[in-house]
Amino acid sequence: MEKTIGFIGCGNMGRAMIEGIMKAKLVYGDQMIVSNAHPEKLQELGNTYDFYIADNETVARHADIIFLAVKPHLYAKIIDEIKDMLKEDAILVSIAAGITLQDMRDMTQGKCRVVRAMPNTPALVSEGMSAVCFQADIDEEQRTEILTIFESFGKARVIEERLMESVIALSGSSPAYVFQFIEAMGDGGVMLGMPRKESYFFAAQAVLGAAKMVLETEMHPAQLKDMVCSPAGTTIEAVAKLEEKGLRSAVIEAMHVCADKNRRMNEK
């Protein structure tokens, strides 16, 4: 890619994206400019990938595509500071829950094109899942460039903005749900005598393998579940207990709570 990529902010999500992009060698160090409220925290990462550590103004003046990787409540302040410094054809990308395309258009006063996206932290290991919504006047070449960035660290899909609320609950926040599940499985393994490190390894690999089966076979998850459940066997006993304790309803309710929180943020 010939464009220069900028990041304003480098928290957990921003760092995961930066590392994913640099590991994929989509751009080289002189094509990546990163700013952070605490620039000293960027030094180790910058030494590893040899990108430029700068301030917000420098990112705004030199980057072609700028990712705002800061908390939602900081968007208005930062955009107000940089909007008059942006390159004429710059694209500003929001990765924050609760910040809509219209919010971005209002904040930038139409001085650049805007994109809304929701990645997730598995970008760090090149297994991210990102949803992307484009402003209507972004052309096909620019859309391809944005998608190429997100696909450098995982999978990306273009969606209608009305579905973003679902994406936030479904893939944006869900790594946390899965980490809880793996931790619980690990604790169960420890209770059954497995050393903790080995227990987490077995649990994580089982989850990884199960996810790949869903993606690669394209079979319904219920079919795959049934393949593991032998009549009067051990697995069906475990599945019955999970049903009794409300695993599925707990997950569904958690997703609704997540989506409701996003909705309230949009109603600010």
Protein backbone atom coordinates (compact mmCIF):
# COMPACT_ATOMS: atom_id res chain seq x y z
CA MET A 1 0.00 0.00 0.00
CA GLU A 2 1.32 3.43 -0.94
CA LYS A 3 -0.80 5.45 1.48
CA THR A 4 0.40 6.72 4.85
CA ILE A 5 -1.62 5.41 7.80
CA GLY A 6 -2.04 7.42 10.99
CA PHE A 7 -3.31 6.46 14.43
CA ILE A 8 -4.39 8.99 17.02
CA GLY A 9 -4.44 6.96 20.20
CA CYS A 10 -2.82 3.63 20.95
CA GLY A 11 -4.82 1.84 23.60
CA ASN A 12 -5.54 -1.89 23.52
CA MET A 13 -7.52 -1.77 20.26
CA GLY A 14 -5.24 0.69 18.51
CA ARG A 15 -2.16 -1.29 19.49
CA ALA A 16 -3.72 -4.54 18.27
CA MET A 17 -4.50 -2.95 14.90
CA ILE A 18 -1.07 -1.35 14.54
CA GLU A 19 0.70 -4.61 15.35
CA GLY A 20 -1.58 -6.52 12.99
CA ILE A 21 -0.91 -4.09 10.13
CA MET A 22 2.85 -4.06 10.70
CA LYS A 23 3.11 -7.85 11.11
CA ALA A 24 1.31 -8.22 7.78
CA LYS A 25 3.82 -5.80 6.21
CA LEU A 26 1.00 -3.87 4.61
CA VAL A 27 3.07 -0.73 5.13
CA TYR A 28 6.59 -0.05 6.33
CA GLY A 29 7.68 2.09 9.26
CA ASP A 30 7.85 5.37 7.34
CA GLN A 31 4.21 4.91 6.27
CA MET A 32 2.88 4.64 9.82
CA ILE A 33 2.52 7.67 12.12
CA VAL A 34 1.20 7.22 15.65
CA SER A 35 0.36 9.68 18.41
CA ASN A 36 -0.69 9.02 21.97
CA ALA A 37 -1.51 11.08 25.04
CA HIS A 38 1.49 9.39 26.70
CA PRO A 39 4.06 9.08 23.87
CA GLU A 40 6.57 7.35 26.13
CA LYS A 41 4.27 4.32 26.13
CA LEU A 42 4.83 4.00 22.38
CA GLN A 43 8.59 3.71 22.53
CA GLU A 44 8.90 -0.07 22.82
CA LEU A 45 6.31 -0.66 20.08
CA GLY A 46 7.92 2.00 17.91
CA ASN A 47 11.33 0.40 18.30
CA THR A 48 9.91 -2.97 17.23
CA TYR A 49 8.18 -1.71 14.08
CA ASP A 50 10.17 1.48 13.43
CA PHE A 51 7.14 3.73 12.88
CA TYR A 52 7.03 7.47 13.51
CA ILE A 53 5.95 8.65 16.95
CA ALA A 54 4.41 12.09 16.59
CA ASP A 55 1.74 14.43 17.93
CA ASN A 56 -1.87 14.67 16.74
CA GLU A 57 -1.09 17.64 14.48
CA THR A 58 1.65 15.74 12.64
CA VAL A 59 -0.61 12.73 12.14
CA ALA A 60 -3.34 15.00 10.75
CA ARG A 61 -1.00 16.81 8.35
CA HIS A 62 0.75 13.77 6.91
CA ALA A 63 -1.54 10.71 7.07
CA ASP A 64 -3.87 9.78 4.22
CA ILE A 65 -6.01 7.47 6.35
CA ILE A 66 -6.38 8.31 10.04
CA PHE A 67 -7.78 5.98 12.68
CA LEU A 68 -9.19 7.61 15.80
CA ALA A 69 -8.36 5.02 18.45
CA VAL A 70 -9.41 7.04 21.49
CA LYS A 71 -12.35 6.93 23.88
CA PRO A 72 -15.66 8.16 22.40
CA HIS A 73 -15.87 11.17 24.72
CA LEU A 74 -12.59 12.51 23.28
CA TYR A 75 -13.69 12.45 19.63
CA ALA A 76 -15.22 15.93 19.47
CA LYS A 77 -12.22 17.56 21.14
CA ILE A 78 -9.61 15.84 18.98
CA ILE A 79 -11.49 16.30 15.71
CA ASP A 80 -11.96 19.99 16.49
CA GLU A 81 -8.18 20.27 16.98
CA ILE A 82 -7.20 18.53 13.75
CA LYS A 83 -10.01 19.12 11.23
CA ASP A 84 -8.37 22.18 9.66
CA MET A 85 -5.01 20.39 9.30
CA LEU A 86 -6.22 17.32 7.41
CA LYS A 87 -5.04 16.61 3.88
CA GLU A 88 -7.57 17.44 1.20
CA ASP A 89 -8.32 13.78 0.39
CA ALA A 90 -7.91 12.42 3.93
CA ILE A 91 -10.18 9.70 5.28
CA LEU A 92 -11.02 9.65 8.99
CA VAL A 93 -11.96 6.28 10.48
CA SER A 94 -13.89 5.90 13.73
CA ILE A 95 -13.47 2.65 15.66
CA ALA A 96 -15.48 3.77 18.71
CA ALA A 97 -18.80 2.42 19.88
CA GLY A 98 -21.51 5.06 19.85
CA ILE A 99 -19.90 7.31 17.20
CA THR A 100 -22.02 7.29 14.04
CA LEU A 101 -21.20 8.41 10.51
CA GLN A 102 -23.46 11.41 11.05
CA ASP A 103 -21.59 12.24 14.26
CA MET A 104 -18.33 12.17 12.31
CA ARG A 105 -19.73 14.33 9.51
CA ASP A 106 -20.97 16.87 12.06
CA MET A 107 -17.68 16.92 13.98
CA THR A 108 -15.54 17.30 10.86
CA GLN A 109 -17.95 19.81 9.28
CA GLY A 110 -17.59 17.90 6.02
CA LYS A 111 -13.87 18.63 5.72
CA CYS A 112 -12.94 15.00 5.04
CA ARG A 113 -14.50 11.68 4.17
CA VAL A 114 -15.45 9.44 7.08
CA VAL A 115 -15.70 5.72 7.78
CA ARG A 116 -17.16 3.88 10.75
CA ALA A 117 -15.69 0.53 11.74
CA MET A 118 -15.77 -1.94 14.60
CA PRO A 119 -12.72 -4.22 14.82
CA ASN A 120 -11.82 -6.49 17.73
CA THR A 121 -8.65 -7.27 19.66
CA PRO A 122 -7.81 -10.61 17.95
CA ALA A 123 -6.38 -8.28 15.29
CA LEU A 124 -3.23 -8.64 17.39
CA VAL A 125 -2.86 -12.24 16.19
CA SER A 126 -4.19 -11.57 12.67
CA GLU A 127 -7.59 -13.07 13.49
CA GLY A 128 -9.60 -9.89 13.87
CA MET A 129 -13.23 -9.51 12.80
CA SER A 130 -14.14 -6.04 11.57
CA ALA A 131 -17.37 -4.47 10.32
CA VAL A 132 -17.09 -1.39 8.11
CA CYS A 133 -19.61 1.29 7.07
CA PHE A 134 -18.72 3.87 4.43
CA GLN A 135 -19.83 7.42 3.84
CA ALA A 136 -21.77 7.38 0.57
CA ASP A 137 -19.28 9.45 -1.45
CA ILE A 138 -16.25 7.25 -0.76
CA ASP A 139 -15.29 5.76 -4.10
CA GLU A 140 -14.52 2.14 -4.90
CA GLU A 141 -10.75 2.58 -4.80
CA GLN A 142 -10.88 4.16 -1.36
CA ARG A 143 -13.23 1.44 -0.10
CA THR A 144 -10.77 -1.18 -1.31
CA GLU A 145 -7.91 0.57 0.49
CA ILE A 146 -9.82 0.67 3.78
CA LEU A 147 -10.88 -2.97 3.51
CA THR A 148 -7.31 -3.98 2.66
CA ILE A 149 -6.16 -2.43 5.94
CA PHE A 150 -8.75 -4.29 8.00
CA GLU A 151 -8.15 -7.55 6.12
CA SER A 152 -4.43 -7.32 6.83
CA PHE A 153 -5.18 -8.43 10.39
CA GLY A 154 -8.21 -10.67 9.94
CA LYS A 155 -11.59 -10.67 8.22
CA ALA A 156 -13.73 -7.66 7.30
CA ARG A 157 -17.27 -7.23 6.05
CA VAL A 158 -19.10 -4.18 4.76
CA ILE A 159 -22.44 -3.76 6.54
CA GLU A 160 -25.30 -1.30 6.73
CA GLU A 161 -24.80 1.09 9.61
CA ARG A 162 -28.10 0.03 11.21
CA LEU A 163 -26.46 -3.35 11.93
CA MET A 164 -23.47 -1.89 13.76
CA GLU A 165 -25.23 -2.24 17.10
CA SER A 166 -25.44 -5.99 16.49
CA VAL A 167 -21.78 -6.16 15.47
CA ILE A 168 -20.63 -4.44 18.64
CA ALA A 169 -22.33 -7.13 20.72
CA LEU A 170 -21.57 -10.00 18.35
CA SER A 171 -17.87 -9.55 17.54
CA GLY A 172 -16.63 -6.26 18.99
CA SER A 173 -17.16 -7.24 22.63
CA SER A 174 -17.44 -11.01 22.30
CA PRO A 175 -13.73 -11.84 22.71
CA ALA A 176 -14.29 -10.94 26.37
CA TYR A 177 -17.14 -13.46 26.58
CA VAL A 178 -14.95 -16.15 25.03
CA PHE A 179 -12.06 -15.34 27.36
CA GLN A 180 -14.42 -15.80 30.29
CA PHE A 181 -15.54 -19.13 28.87
CA ILE A 182 -11.95 -20.30 28.41
CA GLU A 183 -11.07 -19.17 31.92
CA ALA A 184 -14.04 -21.08 33.33
CA MET A 185 -13.06 -24.20 31.37
CA GLY A 186 -9.52 -23.79 32.66
CA ASP A 187 -10.76 -23.58 36.24
CA GLY A 188 -12.80 -26.73 35.66
CA GLY A 189 -9.70 -28.49 34.36
CA VAL A 190 -7.76 -27.45 37.46
CA MET A 191 -10.54 -28.83 39.67
CA LEU A 192 -10.14 -32.12 37.81
CA GLY A 193 -6.39 -32.20 38.44
CA MET A 194 -4.93 -30.54 35.33
CA PRO A 195 -2.11 -28.01 35.90
CA ARG A 196 -3.46 -24.52 35.18
CA LYS A 197 -1.18 -23.68 32.24
CA GLU A 198 -2.02 -26.96 30.53
CA SER A 199 -5.70 -26.56 31.34
CA TYR A 200 -5.85 -23.15 29.61
CA PHE A 201 -3.96 -24.58 26.63
CA PHE A 202 -6.41 -27.46 26.21
CA ALA A 203 -9.41 -25.12 26.62
CA ALA A 204 -8.13 -22.47 24.20
CA GLN A 205 -7.18 -24.97 21.53
CA ALA A 206 -10.58 -26.66 21.83
CA VAL A 207 -12.33 -23.30 21.30
CA LEU A 208 -10.06 -22.47 18.36
CA GLY A 209 -10.71 -25.83 16.74
CA ALA A 210 -14.46 -25.62 17.28
CA ALA A 211 -14.58 -22.14 15.73
CA LYS A 212 -12.64 -23.34 12.69
CA MET A 213 -15.10 -26.21 12.25
CA VAL A 214 -18.00 -23.74 12.12
CA LEU A 215 -16.21 -21.56 9.56
CA GLU A 216 -14.73 -24.27 7.37
CA THR A 217 -17.54 -26.84 7.30
CA GLU A 218 -20.31 -24.20 7.15
CA MET A 219 -22.46 -26.66 9.09
CA HIS A 220 -25.02 -25.40 11.58
CA PRO A 221 -23.48 -25.18 15.08
CA ALA A 222 -26.24 -27.47 16.38
CA GLN A 223 -25.23 -30.15 13.88
CA LEU A 224 -21.62 -29.92 15.00
CA LYS A 225 -22.72 -30.10 18.63
CA ASP A 226 -24.77 -33.21 17.92
CA MET A 227 -21.75 -34.88 16.32
CA VAL A 228 -19.96 -34.72 19.69
CA CYS A 229 -22.92 -35.92 21.74
CA SER A 230 -23.07 -39.72 21.76
CA PRO A 231 -26.22 -41.36 23.18
CA ALA A 232 -25.94 -41.72 26.96
CA GLY A 233 -22.42 -40.30 26.72
CA THR A 234 -20.37 -37.83 28.73
CA THR A 235 -20.82 -34.82 26.43
CA ILE A 236 -24.63 -34.85 26.42
CA GLU A 237 -24.52 -34.85 30.24
CA ALA A 238 -22.38 -31.71 30.13
CA VAL A 239 -24.58 -30.07 27.47
CA ALA A 240 -27.69 -30.80 29.55
CA LYS A 241 -26.10 -29.13 32.57
CA LEU A 242 -25.18 -26.05 30.51
CA GLU A 243 -28.80 -25.86 29.35
CA GLU A 244 -30.01 -26.22 32.94
CA LYS A 245 -27.73 -23.36 34.07
CA GLY A 246 -28.83 -21.12 31.20
CA LEU A 247 -25.65 -20.78 29.15
CA ARG A 248 -27.41 -19.79 25.93
CA SER A 249 -29.85 -17.39 27.54
CA ALA A 250 -27.03 -15.78 29.53
CA VAL A 251 -25.03 -15.17 26.34
CA ILE A 252 -28.05 -13.77 24.48
CA GLU A 253 -28.96 -11.50 27.40
CA ALA A 254 -25.35 -10.29 27.66
CA MET A 255 -25.42 -9.33 23.98
CA HIS A 256 -28.66 -7.40 24.49
CA VAL A 257 -27.14 -5.52 27.44
CA CYS A 258 -24.11 -4.67 25.29
CA ALA A 259 -26.31 -3.44 22.44
CA ASP A 260 -28.48 -1.43 24.83
CA LYS A 261 -25.40 0.31 26.22
CA ASN A 262 -24.33 1.24 22.70
CA ARG A 263 -27.83 2.54 21.98
CA ARG A 264 -27.70 4.78 25.06
CA MET A 265 -24.32 6.10 23.95
CA ASN A 266 -25.86 7.00 20.58
CA GLU A 267 -28.63 8.90 22.37
CA LYS A 268 -26.17 11.15 24.18
